[in-house]
Protein backbone atom coordinates (compact mmCIF):
# COMPACT_ATOMS: atom_id res chain seq x y z
CA MET A 1 88.26 89.85 101.09
CA ARG A 2 88.24 93.56 100.30
CA LEU A 3 91.23 94.13 102.60
CA PHE A 4 93.18 91.39 100.82
CA VAL A 5 92.43 92.91 97.41
CA ARG A 6 93.57 96.36 98.57
CA TRP A 7 96.73 94.81 100.00
CA CYS A 8 97.41 93.12 96.62
CA VAL A 9 97.00 96.51 94.92
CA ILE A 10 99.62 97.99 97.26
CA VAL A 11 101.94 95.04 96.57
CA ALA A 12 101.65 95.59 92.80
CA ALA A 13 102.21 99.33 93.19
CA LEU A 14 105.32 98.74 95.31
CA VAL A 15 106.70 96.30 92.74
CA VAL A 16 106.30 98.94 90.03
CA ALA A 17 107.97 101.53 92.28
CA VAL A 18 110.92 99.20 92.90
CA LEU A 19 111.31 98.67 89.15
CA ILE A 20 111.02 102.36 88.18
CA VAL A 21 112.30 104.56 90.99
CA PRO A 22 116.04 104.64 91.70
CA GLY A 23 116.68 104.54 95.43
CA ILE A 24 113.87 102.11 96.24
CA ASP A 25 115.49 98.72 96.42
CA VAL A 26 114.69 95.20 97.52
CA THR A 27 117.68 93.20 98.69
CA GLY A 28 118.16 89.73 100.05
CA ASP A 29 116.95 86.29 99.15
CA SER A 30 113.33 86.85 100.11
CA ALA A 31 112.42 89.79 97.89
CA TRP A 32 108.74 88.87 97.71
CA LEU A 33 108.54 88.61 101.48
CA ALA A 34 110.09 92.07 101.75
CA VAL A 35 107.48 93.53 99.39
CA PHE A 36 104.62 91.76 101.21
CA VAL A 37 105.80 93.03 104.60
CA MET A 38 106.35 96.52 103.20
CA ALA A 39 102.80 96.53 101.80
CA ALA A 40 101.41 95.61 105.22
CA VAL A 41 103.50 98.27 106.94
CA LEU A 42 102.53 100.88 104.34
CA GLY A 43 98.88 100.00 104.81
CA PHE A 44 99.26 100.48 108.57
CA VAL A 45 101.08 103.80 108.13
CA ASN A 46 98.46 105.01 105.64
CA ALA A 47 95.64 104.01 107.98
CA PHE A 48 96.94 105.48 111.23
CA ILE A 49 99.89 107.84 110.80
CA ARG A 50 99.16 109.52 107.44
CA PRO A 51 95.87 111.07 108.61
CA LEU A 52 97.71 112.52 111.60
CA LEU A 53 100.38 113.97 109.30
CA ALA A 54 97.70 115.43 107.04
CA LEU A 55 95.90 116.96 110.02
CA LEU A 56 99.08 118.51 111.39
CA SER A 57 100.01 119.94 108.00
CA CYS A 58 96.52 121.12 107.12
CA GLY A 59 97.66 124.74 106.74
CA CYS A 60 100.40 123.81 104.30
CA ILE A 61 98.01 121.62 102.33
CA VAL A 62 95.52 124.46 101.99
CA ALA A 63 98.23 127.02 101.18
CA THR A 64 99.67 124.86 98.41
CA MET A 65 96.24 123.81 97.13
CA GLY A 66 96.87 120.17 97.97
CA LEU A 67 100.39 119.81 96.57
CA PHE A 68 101.79 119.34 100.07
CA LEU A 69 99.98 115.99 100.13
CA LEU A 70 102.80 114.75 97.88
CA VAL A 71 105.20 115.51 100.73
CA VAL A 72 102.89 113.73 103.20
CA ASN A 73 102.82 110.69 100.86
CA ALA A 74 106.62 110.77 100.62
CA LEU A 75 107.01 110.92 104.38
CA SER A 76 104.57 108.04 104.79
CA LEU A 77 106.47 105.88 102.29
CA TRP A 78 109.80 106.82 103.84
CA LEU A 79 108.56 105.98 107.34
CA ALA A 80 107.08 102.68 106.16
CA GLY A 81 110.39 101.80 104.49
CA TYR A 82 112.27 102.61 107.69
CA ILE A 83 109.90 100.48 109.78
CA ALA A 84 110.09 97.56 107.34
CA GLU A 85 113.87 97.70 107.16
CA HIS A 86 114.76 98.33 110.81
CA TRP A 87 111.91 96.78 112.79
CA PHE A 88 111.04 93.77 110.63
CA HIS A 89 114.51 93.36 109.09
CA VAL A 90 113.31 92.78 105.56
CA GLY A 91 115.28 94.02 102.58
CA PHE A 92 113.02 96.86 101.46
CA ARG A 93 114.95 100.13 101.44
CA VAL A 94 113.87 103.67 100.61
CA SER A 95 117.16 105.54 100.46
CA GLY A 96 116.11 109.15 100.78
CA PHE A 97 113.41 111.79 100.61
CA TRP A 98 113.46 112.19 96.83
CA SER A 99 113.25 108.46 96.30
CA ALA A 100 110.30 108.42 98.67
CA PHE A 101 108.77 111.44 96.90
CA PHE A 102 108.89 109.91 93.43
CA GLY A 103 108.04 106.48 94.84
CA GLY A 104 104.96 107.96 96.48
CA ILE A 105 103.89 109.40 93.16
CA VAL A 106 104.40 106.06 91.40
CA VAL A 107 102.61 104.10 94.13
CA GLY A 108 99.74 106.58 94.06
CA ILE A 109 99.32 106.47 90.29
CA VAL A 110 99.56 102.68 90.05
CA SER A 111 97.16 102.22 92.97
CA PHE A 112 94.71 104.64 91.37
CA LEU A 113 94.84 102.85 88.03
CA LEU A 114 94.45 99.40 89.57
CA ASN A 115 91.55 100.60 91.73
CA LEU A 116 89.83 101.82 88.59
CA LEU A 117 89.80 98.23 87.38
CA LEU A 118 88.20 96.98 90.59
CA PRO A 119 84.44 97.41 90.99
CA ASP A 120 83.50 99.53 93.98
CA GLU A 121 80.94 98.62 96.61
CA TRP A 122 78.39 101.22 95.48
CA THR A 123 78.34 99.83 91.94
CA LYS A 124 77.89 96.29 93.26
CA ARG A 125 74.96 97.36 95.43
CA GLN A 126 73.27 99.17 92.54
CA ARG A 127 73.60 96.15 90.28
CA SER A 128 72.23 93.81 92.93
CA ARG A 129 69.18 96.06 93.49
CA ARG A 130 68.33 96.03 89.77
CA ALA A 131 68.42 92.25 89.53
């Protein structure tokens, strides 16, 4: 259930990014399918490839006091868009690095705000112990 909720958060964040960021487009008749597939691909990229990118760029992240993570987020979104468009042939397109950069910022902010609305596991456990 938790995985499904997190996937829905990514879907909502991608929809906001499509609406706000120029260069992130959904084309074709099945726009919702494209966003759903892109959310699954982005979840996979964030789970497996993004940590590797962060590890390889650890020096840059430390040197820039964490700002290089914005570049890592952009590369992750750009790669996920490429995989969704070329491997799964859905109409989700991230047209360039700057679109991916600003899209990564939008997806990050929207995901953060939506996750604030969701109760976390620690809070649930504390409430259940009190009852």
